[in-house]
């Protein structure tokens, strides 16, 4: 990945490990977030959606799954030719 700068900054994302990419993301977020204006922040309705999802979980109507588990379920559904 090349960032437009003068001179351009080359970041070899394809050669970074997962933990290195996560560390880069966190570093960038910590640098960017204090300077973000209100337009760049999550809209208020995001909090409403998250609150509803937590309430559904508490009522036993929803289950949180890890990303790995979710992808495993999707792969299994695709392998069996099903949706859901």
Protein backbone atom coordinates (compact mmCIF):
# COMPACT_ATOMS: atom_id res chain seq x y z
CA UNK A 1 0.00 0.00 0.00
CA UNK A 2 1.33 3.42 -0.90
CA UNK A 3 0.12 6.50 0.91
CA UNK A 4 -0.03 9.72 -1.07
CA UNK A 5 2.59 11.94 0.45
CA UNK A 6 5.62 13.81 -0.74
CA UNK A 7 7.60 11.59 -0.99
CA UNK A 8 5.11 8.67 -1.08
CA UNK A 9 5.13 6.40 1.97
CA UNK A 10 5.24 2.67 1.24
CA UNK A 11 3.61 0.37 3.83
CA UNK A 12 4.08 -3.33 2.98
CA UNK A 13 0.71 -4.49 4.35
CA UNK A 14 0.95 -7.84 2.57
CA UNK A 15 4.12 -8.62 4.53
CA UNK A 16 2.82 -7.61 7.95
CA UNK A 17 1.52 -10.24 10.34
CA UNK A 18 -1.96 -10.00 11.81
CA UNK A 19 -0.64 -8.67 15.15
CA UNK A 20 1.53 -6.10 13.33
CA UNK A 21 -1.48 -4.89 11.32
CA UNK A 22 -3.54 -4.65 14.50
CA UNK A 23 -0.79 -2.64 16.21
CA UNK A 24 -0.60 -0.31 13.18
CA UNK A 25 -4.38 0.12 13.23
CA UNK A 26 -4.39 0.94 16.95
CA UNK A 27 -1.55 3.41 16.55
CA UNK A 28 -3.32 5.17 13.68
CA UNK A 29 -6.64 5.22 15.57
CA UNK A 30 -5.05 6.69 18.70
CA UNK A 31 -3.45 9.39 16.55
CA UNK A 32 -6.57 10.17 14.51
CA UNK A 33 -9.43 9.88 17.01
CA UNK A 34 -8.70 12.95 19.17
CA UNK A 35 -8.73 15.12 16.05
CA UNK A 36 -11.92 13.78 14.48
CA UNK A 37 -14.85 16.11 14.10
CA UNK A 38 -18.42 15.07 14.95
CA UNK A 39 -19.18 14.15 11.33
CA UNK A 40 -16.53 11.42 11.40
CA UNK A 41 -17.79 9.84 14.62
CA UNK A 42 -20.32 7.04 14.75
CA UNK A 43 -23.88 8.28 14.42
CA UNK A 44 -26.14 8.13 17.47
CA UNK A 45 -28.20 5.32 15.99
CA UNK A 46 -25.17 2.99 16.25
CA UNK A 47 -25.47 3.12 20.03
CA UNK A 48 -29.18 2.34 19.76
CA UNK A 49 -28.49 -0.72 17.58
CA UNK A 50 -25.80 -2.01 19.94
CA UNK A 51 -28.06 -1.47 22.96
CA UNK A 52 -30.88 -3.42 21.27
CA UNK A 53 -28.51 -6.26 20.39
CA UNK A 54 -27.31 -6.49 23.98
CA UNK A 55 -30.91 -6.53 25.22
CA UNK A 56 -31.75 -9.33 22.76
CA UNK A 57 -28.78 -11.31 24.08
CA UNK A 58 -29.92 -10.79 27.67
CA UNK A 59 -33.41 -12.07 26.76
CA UNK A 60 -31.85 -15.15 25.16
CA UNK A 61 -32.98 -14.11 21.68
CA UNK A 62 -29.45 -13.65 20.29
CA UNK A 63 -26.01 -15.19 20.70
CA UNK A 64 -22.65 -13.48 20.19
CA UNK A 65 -20.20 -15.56 18.16
CA UNK A 66 -16.55 -15.01 17.42
CA UNK A 67 -15.54 -14.07 13.90
CA UNK A 68 -13.85 -17.47 13.50
CA UNK A 69 -16.99 -19.32 14.60
CA UNK A 70 -19.14 -17.21 12.30
CA UNK A 71 -16.93 -17.89 9.29
CA UNK A 72 -16.88 -21.62 10.14
CA UNK A 73 -20.70 -21.62 10.16
CA UNK A 74 -20.84 -19.76 6.84
CA UNK A 75 -18.37 -22.19 5.26
CA UNK A 76 -20.40 -25.15 6.50
CA UNK A 77 -23.61 -23.64 5.11
CA UNK A 78 -21.98 -23.02 1.74
CA UNK A 79 -20.61 -26.56 1.68
CA UNK A 80 -24.13 -27.89 2.28
CA UNK A 81 -25.68 -25.51 -0.28
CA UNK A 82 -27.85 -23.71 2.29
CA UNK A 83 -28.48 -20.20 3.38
CA UNK A 84 -28.94 -19.14 7.05
